[in-house]
Amino acid sequence: METPSNPVSHTLLAQIAEAIRAIRFGSVQILIHDSRVVQIEKAEKIRMCHEADRTTGGSPQQPGPSRPKED
């Protein structure tokens, strides 16, 4: 395995860490070209709370399997 000639900067690591901290549910993708990070993508999922089920005394519904959004 070849060692990259360009070490990862502290700024880049901080940006990746912030992308991870900024979302509660979702994913972070790091795109690399020629051994260099060229893009950081994040996809956030928003989980919906079934508040009506709690106030009416009904049992909360189990959410179905989540599927990623297609572009």
PDB file of N, CA and C in Angstrom:
ATOM      1  N   MET A   1       0.850  -1.180   0.000  1.00  0.00           N
ATOM      2  CA  MET A   1       0.000   0.000   0.000  1.00  0.00           C
ATOM      3  C   MET A   1       0.893   1.239   0.000  1.00  0.00           C
ATOM      4  N   GLU A   2       0.596   2.153  -0.867  1.00  0.00           N
ATOM      5  CA  GLU A   2       1.425   3.350  -1.020  1.00  0.00           C
ATOM      6  C   GLU A   2       0.993   4.430  -0.039  1.00  0.00           C
ATOM      7  N   THR A   3       1.946   5.093   0.557  1.00  0.00           N
ATOM      8  CA  THR A   3       1.663   6.198   1.467  1.00  0.00           C
ATOM      9  C   THR A   3       1.399   7.454   0.644  1.00  0.00           C
ATOM     10  N   PRO A   4       0.288   8.182   0.932  1.00  0.00           N
ATOM     11  CA  PRO A   4       0.010   9.397   0.164  1.00  0.00           C
ATOM     12  C   PRO A   4       1.073  10.453   0.401  1.00  0.00           C
ATOM     13  N   SER A   5       1.385  11.193  -0.664  1.00  0.00           N
ATOM     14  CA  SER A   5       2.403  12.236  -0.533  1.00  0.00           C
ATOM     15  C   SER A   5       1.850  13.481   0.148  1.00  0.00           C
ATOM     16  N   ASN A   6       0.528  13.662   0.137  1.00  0.00           N
ATOM     17  CA  ASN A   6      -0.100  14.814   0.770  1.00  0.00           C
ATOM     18  C   ASN A   6      -0.797  14.375   2.051  1.00  0.00           C
ATOM     19  N   PRO A   7      -0.239  14.709   3.215  1.00  0.00           N
ATOM     20  CA  PRO A   7      -0.904  14.317   4.459  1.00  0.00           C
ATOM     21  C   PRO A   7      -2.228  15.077   4.622  1.00  0.00           C
ATOM     22  N   VAL A   8      -3.134  14.482   5.350  1.00  0.00           N
ATOM     23  CA  VAL A   8      -4.444  15.102   5.585  1.00  0.00           C
ATOM     24  C   VAL A   8      -4.257  16.258   6.568  1.00  0.00           C
ATOM     25  N   SER A   9      -4.785  17.420   6.213  1.00  0.00           N
ATOM     26  CA  SER A   9      -4.614  18.605   7.064  1.00  0.00           C
ATOM     27  C   SER A   9      -5.583  18.561   8.248  1.00  0.00           C
ATOM     28  N   HIS A  10      -5.216  19.308   9.277  1.00  0.00           N
ATOM     29  CA  HIS A  10      -6.089  19.411  10.450  1.00  0.00           C
ATOM     30  C   HIS A  10      -7.389  20.115  10.076  1.00  0.00           C
ATOM     31  N   THR A  11      -7.339  21.050   9.147  1.00  0.00           N
ATOM     32  CA  THR A  11      -8.538  21.754   8.701  1.00  0.00           C
ATOM     33  C   THR A  11      -9.512  20.789   8.044  1.00  0.00           C
ATOM     34  N   LEU A  12      -9.001  19.919   7.180  1.00  0.00           N
ATOM     35  CA  LEU A  12      -9.858  18.930   6.514  1.00  0.00           C
ATOM     36  C   LEU A  12     -10.477  17.983   7.531  1.00  0.00           C
ATOM     37  N   LEU A  13      -9.680  17.509   8.479  1.00  0.00           N
ATOM     38  CA  LEU A  13     -10.214  16.625   9.513  1.00  0.00           C
ATOM     39  C   LEU A  13     -11.299  17.325  10.334  1.00  0.00           C
ATOM     40  N   ALA A  14     -11.103  18.612  10.602  1.00  0.00           N
ATOM     41  CA  ALA A  14     -12.105  19.384  11.343  1.00  0.00           C
ATOM     42  C   ALA A  14     -13.394  19.516  10.535  1.00  0.00           C
ATOM     43  N   GLN A  15     -13.274  19.710   9.218  1.00  0.00           N
ATOM     44  CA  GLN A  15     -14.469  19.808   8.366  1.00  0.00           C
ATOM     45  C   GLN A  15     -15.234  18.483   8.335  1.00  0.00           C
ATOM     46  N   ILE A  16     -14.525  17.382   8.273  1.00  0.00           N
ATOM     47  CA  ILE A  16     -15.169  16.070   8.281  1.00  0.00           C
ATOM     48  C   ILE A  16     -15.855  15.835   9.633  1.00  0.00           C
ATOM     49  N   ALA A  17     -15.165  16.160  10.712  1.00  0.00           N
ATOM     50  CA  ALA A  17     -15.745  16.000  12.047  1.00  0.00           C
ATOM     51  C   ALA A  17     -16.990  16.856  12.212  1.00  0.00           C
ATOM     52  N   GLU A  18     -16.974  18.074  11.696  1.00  0.00           N
ATOM     53  CA  GLU A  18     -18.138  18.962  11.788  1.00  0.00           C
ATOM     54  C   GLU A  18     -19.306  18.410  10.982  1.00  0.00           C
ATOM     55  N   ALA A  19     -19.037  17.854   9.809  1.00  0.00           N
ATOM     56  CA  ALA A  19     -20.103  17.251   8.999  1.00  0.00           C
ATOM     57  C   ALA A  19     -20.761  16.104   9.761  1.00  0.00           C
ATOM     58  N   ILE A  20     -19.971  15.336  10.481  1.00  0.00           N
ATOM     59  CA  ILE A  20     -20.511  14.226  11.272  1.00  0.00           C
ATOM     60  C   ILE A  20     -21.309  14.754  12.463  1.00  0.00           C
ATOM     61  N   ARG A  21     -20.770  15.766  13.145  1.00  0.00           N
ATOM     62  CA  ARG A  21     -21.464  16.332  14.315  1.00  0.00           C
ATOM     63  C   ARG A  21     -22.770  17.021  13.935  1.00  0.00           C
ATOM     64  N   ALA A  22     -22.840  17.565  12.730  1.00  0.00           N
ATOM     65  CA  ALA A  22     -23.978  18.395  12.335  1.00  0.00           C
ATOM     66  C   ALA A  22     -25.247  17.597  12.038  1.00  0.00           C
ATOM     67  N   ILE A  23     -25.145  16.293  11.910  1.00  0.00           N
ATOM     68  CA  ILE A  23     -26.339  15.509  11.607  1.00  0.00           C
ATOM     69  C   ILE A  23     -26.572  14.463  12.689  1.00  0.00           C
ATOM     70  N   ARG A  24     -27.839  14.191  12.953  1.00  0.00           N
ATOM     71  CA  ARG A  24     -28.173  13.194  13.965  1.00  0.00           C
ATOM     72  C   ARG A  24     -28.362  11.822  13.327  1.00  0.00           C
ATOM     73  N   PHE A  25     -29.059  11.779  12.196  1.00  0.00           N
ATOM     74  CA  PHE A  25     -29.255  10.547  11.434  1.00  0.00           C
ATOM     75  C   PHE A  25     -28.861  10.831   9.999  1.00  0.00           C
ATOM     76  N   GLY A  26     -28.075   9.996   9.393  1.00  0.00           N
ATOM     77  CA  GLY A  26     -27.708  10.206   8.006  1.00  0.00           C
ATOM     78  C   GLY A  26     -26.339   9.637   7.694  1.00  0.00           C
ATOM     79  N   SER A  27     -25.718  10.223   6.684  1.00  0.00           N
ATOM     80  CA  SER A  27     -24.421   9.710   6.253  1.00  0.00           C
ATOM     81  C   SER A  27     -23.528  10.851   5.789  1.00  0.00           C
ATOM     82  N   VAL A  28     -22.229  10.595   5.849  1.00  0.00           N
ATOM     83  CA  VAL A  28     -21.225  11.528   5.342  1.00  0.00           C
ATOM     84  C   VAL A  28     -20.374  10.752   4.352  1.00  0.00           C
ATOM     85  N   GLN A  29     -20.251  11.282   3.139  1.00  0.00           N
ATOM     86  CA  GLN A  29     -19.403  10.672   2.111  1.00  0.00           C
ATOM     87  C   GLN A  29     -18.229  11.585   1.831  1.00  0.00           C
ATOM     88  N   ILE A  30     -17.075  10.971   1.678  1.00  0.00           N
ATOM     89  CA  ILE A  30     -15.865  11.718   1.353  1.00  0.00           C
ATOM     90  C   ILE A  30     -15.428  11.267  -0.031  1.00  0.00           C
ATOM     91  N   LEU A  31     -15.425  12.197  -0.990  1.00  0.00           N
ATOM     92  CA  LEU A  31     -15.045  11.876  -2.361  1.00  0.00           C
ATOM     93  C   LEU A  31     -13.574  12.203  -2.569  1.00  0.00           C
ATOM     94  N   ILE A  32     -12.877  11.262  -3.162  1.00  0.00           N
ATOM     95  CA  ILE A  32     -11.436  11.373  -3.335  1.00  0.00           C
ATOM     96  C   ILE A  32     -11.089  11.263  -4.810  1.00  0.00           C
ATOM     97  N   HIS A  33     -10.194  12.106  -5.270  1.00  0.00           N
ATOM     98  CA  HIS A  33      -9.699  12.072  -6.651  1.00  0.00           C
ATOM     99  C   HIS A  33      -8.186  12.227  -6.598  1.00  0.00           C
ATOM    100  N   ASP A  34      -7.481  11.309  -7.229  1.00  0.00           N
ATOM    101  CA  ASP A  34      -6.007  11.331  -7.218  1.00  0.00           C
ATOM    102  C   ASP A  34      -5.443  11.429  -5.798  1.00  0.00           C
ATOM    103  N   SER A  35      -5.991  10.619  -4.904  1.00  0.00           N
ATOM    104  CA  SER A  35      -5.546  10.539  -3.508  1.00  0.00           C
ATOM    105  C   SER A  35      -5.782  11.819  -2.711  1.00  0.00           C
ATOM    106  N   ARG A  36      -6.660  12.699  -3.199  1.00  0.00           N
ATOM    107  CA  ARG A  36      -6.956  13.944  -2.485  1.00  0.00           C
ATOM    108  C   ARG A  36      -8.450  14.050  -2.264  1.00  0.00           C
ATOM    109  N   VAL A  37      -8.842  14.533  -1.103  1.00  0.00           N
ATOM    110  CA  VAL A  37     -10.259  14.764  -0.816  1.00  0.00           C
ATOM    111  C   VAL A  37     -10.705  15.964  -1.638  1.00  0.00           C
ATOM    112  N   VAL A  38     -11.731  15.764  -2.468  1.00  0.00           N
ATOM    113  CA  VAL A  38     -12.215  16.853  -3.306  1.00  0.00           C
ATOM    114  C   VAL A  38     -13.614  17.318  -2.911  1.00  0.00           C
ATOM    115  N   GLN A  39     -14.318  16.502  -2.118  1.00  0.00           N
ATOM    116  CA  GLN A  39     -15.687  16.876  -1.766  1.00  0.00           C
ATOM    117  C   GLN A  39     -16.126  16.109  -0.530  1.00  0.00           C
ATOM    118  N   ILE A  40     -16.912  16.764   0.298  1.00  0.00           N
ATOM    119  CA  ILE A  40     -17.547  16.125   1.445  1.00  0.00           C
ATOM    120  C   ILE A  40     -19.046  16.297   1.260  1.00  0.00           C
ATOM    121  N   GLU A  41     -19.774  15.189   1.257  1.00  0.00           N
ATOM    122  CA  GLU A  41     -21.231  15.233   1.099  1.00  0.00           C
ATOM    123  C   GLU A  41     -21.873  14.700   2.366  1.00  0.00           C
ATOM    124  N   LYS A  42     -22.980  15.329   2.769  1.00  0.00           N
ATOM    125  CA  LYS A  42     -23.729  14.775   3.887  1.00  0.00           C
ATOM    126  C   LYS A  42     -25.194  14.690   3.504  1.00  0.00           C
ATOM    127  N   ALA A  43     -25.808  13.603   3.918  1.00  0.00           N
ATOM    128  CA  ALA A  43     -27.236  13.378   3.676  1.00  0.00           C
ATOM    129  C   ALA A  43     -27.885  13.179   5.039  1.00  0.00           C
ATOM    130  N   GLU A  44     -28.798  14.057   5.378  1.00  0.00           N
ATOM    131  CA  GLU A  44     -29.433  13.987   6.690  1.00  0.00           C
ATOM    132  C   GLU A  44     -30.817  13.377   6.573  1.00  0.00           C
ATOM    133  N   LYS A  45     -31.128  12.492   7.489  1.00  0.00           N
ATOM    134  CA  LYS A  45     -32.442  11.896   7.601  1.00  0.00           C
ATOM    135  C   LYS A  45     -33.136  12.570   8.777  1.00  0.00           C
ATOM    136  N   ILE A  46     -34.411  12.822   8.625  1.00  0.00           N
ATOM    137  CA  ILE A  46     -35.184  13.421   9.715  1.00  0.00           C
ATOM    138  C   ILE A  46     -36.207  12.389  10.168  1.00  0.00           C
ATOM    139  N   ARG A  47     -36.085  11.930  11.402  1.00  0.00           N
ATOM    140  CA  ARG A  47     -36.997  10.936  11.953  1.00  0.00           C
ATOM    141  C   ARG A  47     -38.218  11.660  12.499  1.00  0.00           C
ATOM    142  N   MET A  48     -39.382  11.216  12.095  1.00  0.00           N
ATOM    143  CA  MET A  48     -40.618  11.847  12.518  1.00  0.00           C
ATOM    144  C   MET A  48     -41.123  11.168  13.791  1.00  0.00           C
ATOM    145  N   CYS A  49     -41.549  11.968  14.731  1.00  0.00           N
ATOM    146  CA  CYS A  49     -42.094  11.482  15.995  1.00  0.00           C
ATOM    147  C   CYS A  49     -43.605  11.371  15.842  1.00  0.00           C
ATOM    148  N   HIS A  50     -44.181  10.275  16.283  1.00  0.00           N
ATOM    149  CA  HIS A  50     -45.629  10.084  16.200  1.00  0.00           C
ATOM    150  C   HIS A  50     -46.283  10.643  17.462  1.00  0.00           C
ATOM    151  N   GLU A  51     -46.298  11.970  17.567  1.00  0.00           N
ATOM    152  CA  GLU A  51     -46.826  12.659  18.743  1.00  0.00           C
ATOM    153  C   GLU A  51     -48.300  12.339  18.949  1.00  0.00           C
ATOM    154  N   ALA A  52     -49.088  12.198  17.885  1.00  0.00           N
ATOM    155  CA  ALA A  52     -50.523  11.925  18.005  1.00  0.00           C
ATOM    156  C   ALA A  52     -50.759  10.606  18.730  1.00  0.00           C
ATOM    157  N   ASP A  53     -49.916   9.625  18.519  1.00  0.00           N
ATOM    158  CA  ASP A  53     -50.074   8.337  19.180  1.00  0.00           C
ATOM    159  C   ASP A  53     -49.888   8.468  20.692  1.00  0.00           C
ATOM    160  N   ARG A  54     -49.021   9.348  21.118  1.00  0.00           N
ATOM    161  CA  ARG A  54     -48.782   9.526  22.550  1.00  0.00           C
ATOM    162  C   ARG A  54     -49.933  10.257  23.223  1.00  0.00           C
ATOM    163  N   THR A  55     -50.528  11.230  22.543  1.00  0.00           N
ATOM    164  CA  THR A  55     -51.569  12.037  23.168  1.00  0.00           C
ATOM    165  C   THR A  55     -52.919  11.333  23.178  1.00  0.00           C
ATOM    166  N   THR A  56     -53.157  10.407  22.259  1.00  0.00           N
ATOM    167  CA  THR A  56     -54.445   9.715  22.214  1.00  0.00           C
ATOM    168  C   THR A  56     -54.422   8.405  22.981  1.00  0.00           C
ATOM    169  N   GLY A  57     -53.276   8.025  23.490  1.00  0.00           N
ATOM    170  CA  GLY A  57     -53.192   6.793  24.256  1.00  0.00           C
ATOM    171  C   GLY A  57     -52.932   5.568  23.407  1.00  0.00           C
ATOM    172  N   GLY A  58     -52.833   5.743  22.099  1.00  0.00           N
ATOM    173  CA  GLY A  58     -52.551   4.612  21.220  1.00  0.00           C
ATOM    174  C   GLY A  58     -51.093   4.226  21.298  1.00  0.00           C
ATOM    175  N   SER A  59     -50.797   3.039  20.835  1.00  0.00           N
ATOM    176  CA  SER A  59     -49.402   2.613  20.850  1.00  0.00           C
ATOM    177  C   SER A  59     -48.688   3.185  19.640  1.00  0.00           C
ATOM    178  N   PRO A  60     -47.456   3.586  19.820  1.00  0.00           N
ATOM    179  CA  PRO A  60     -46.711   4.149  18.685  1.00  0.00           C
ATOM    180  C   PRO A  60     -46.515   3.105  17.601  1.00  0.00           C
ATOM    181  N   GLN A  61     -46.572   3.562  16.365  1.00  0.00           N
ATOM    182  CA  GLN A  61     -46.360   2.658  15.242  1.00  0.00           C
ATOM    183  C   GLN A  61     -44.876   2.502  15.012  1.00  0.00           C
ATOM    184  N   GLN A  62     -44.491   1.297  14.650  1.00  0.00           N
ATOM    185  CA  GLN A  62     -43.100   1.058  14.309  1.00  0.00           C
ATOM    186  C   GLN A  62     -42.857   1.569  12.901  1.00  0.00           C
ATOM    187  N   PRO A  63     -41.845   2.377  12.702  1.00  0.00           N
ATOM    188  CA  PRO A  63     -41.555   2.851  11.345  1.00  0.00           C
ATOM    189  C   PRO A  63     -41.101   1.704  10.469  1.00  0.00           C
ATOM    190  N   GLY A  64     -41.435   1.784   9.194  1.00  0.00           N
ATOM    191  CA  GLY A  64     -40.996   0.785   8.238  1.00  0.00           C
ATOM    192  C   GLY A  64     -39.529   0.980   7.934  1.00  0.00           C
ATOM    193  N   PRO A  65     -38.962   0.076   7.165  1.00  0.00           N
ATOM    194  CA  PRO A  65     -37.539   0.239   6.824  1.00  0.00           C
ATOM    195  C   PRO A  65     -37.338   1.502   6.013  1.00  0.00           C
ATOM    196  N   SER A  66     -36.291   2.248   6.381  1.00  0.00           N
ATOM    197  CA  SER A  66     -36.034   3.492   5.655  1.00  0.00           C
ATOM    198  C   SER A  66     -35.216   3.181   4.415  1.00  0.00           C
ATOM    199  N   ARG A  67     -35.539   3.875   3.338  1.00  0.00           N
ATOM    200  CA  ARG A  67     -34.812   3.706   2.094  1.00  0.00           C
ATOM    201  C   ARG A  67     -34.223   5.042   1.695  1.00  0.00           C
ATOM    202  N   PRO A  68     -33.021   5.042   1.172  1.00  0.00           N
ATOM    203  CA  PRO A  68     -32.405   6.319   0.769  1.00  0.00           C
ATOM    204  C   PRO A  68     -33.185   6.976  -0.356  1.00  0.00           C
ATOM    205  N   LYS A  69     -33.163   8.303  -0.341  1.00  0.00           N
ATOM    206  CA  LYS A  69     -33.811   9.073  -1.388  1.00  0.00           C
ATOM    207  C   LYS A  69     -33.079   8.897  -2.695  1.00  0.00           C
ATOM    208  N   GLU A  70     -33.825   8.732  -3.766  1.00  0.00           N
ATOM    209  CA  GLU A  70     -33.194   8.634  -5.083  1.00  0.00           C
ATOM    210  C   GLU A  70     -33.165  10.006  -5.717  1.00  0.00           C
ATOM    211  N   ASP A  71     -32.043  10.334  -6.310  1.00  0.00           N
ATOM    212  CA  ASP A  71     -31.901  11.648  -6.968  1.00  0.00           C
ATOM    213  C   ASP A  71     -32.480  11.618  -8.350  1.00  0.00           C
TER     214      ASP A  71
END
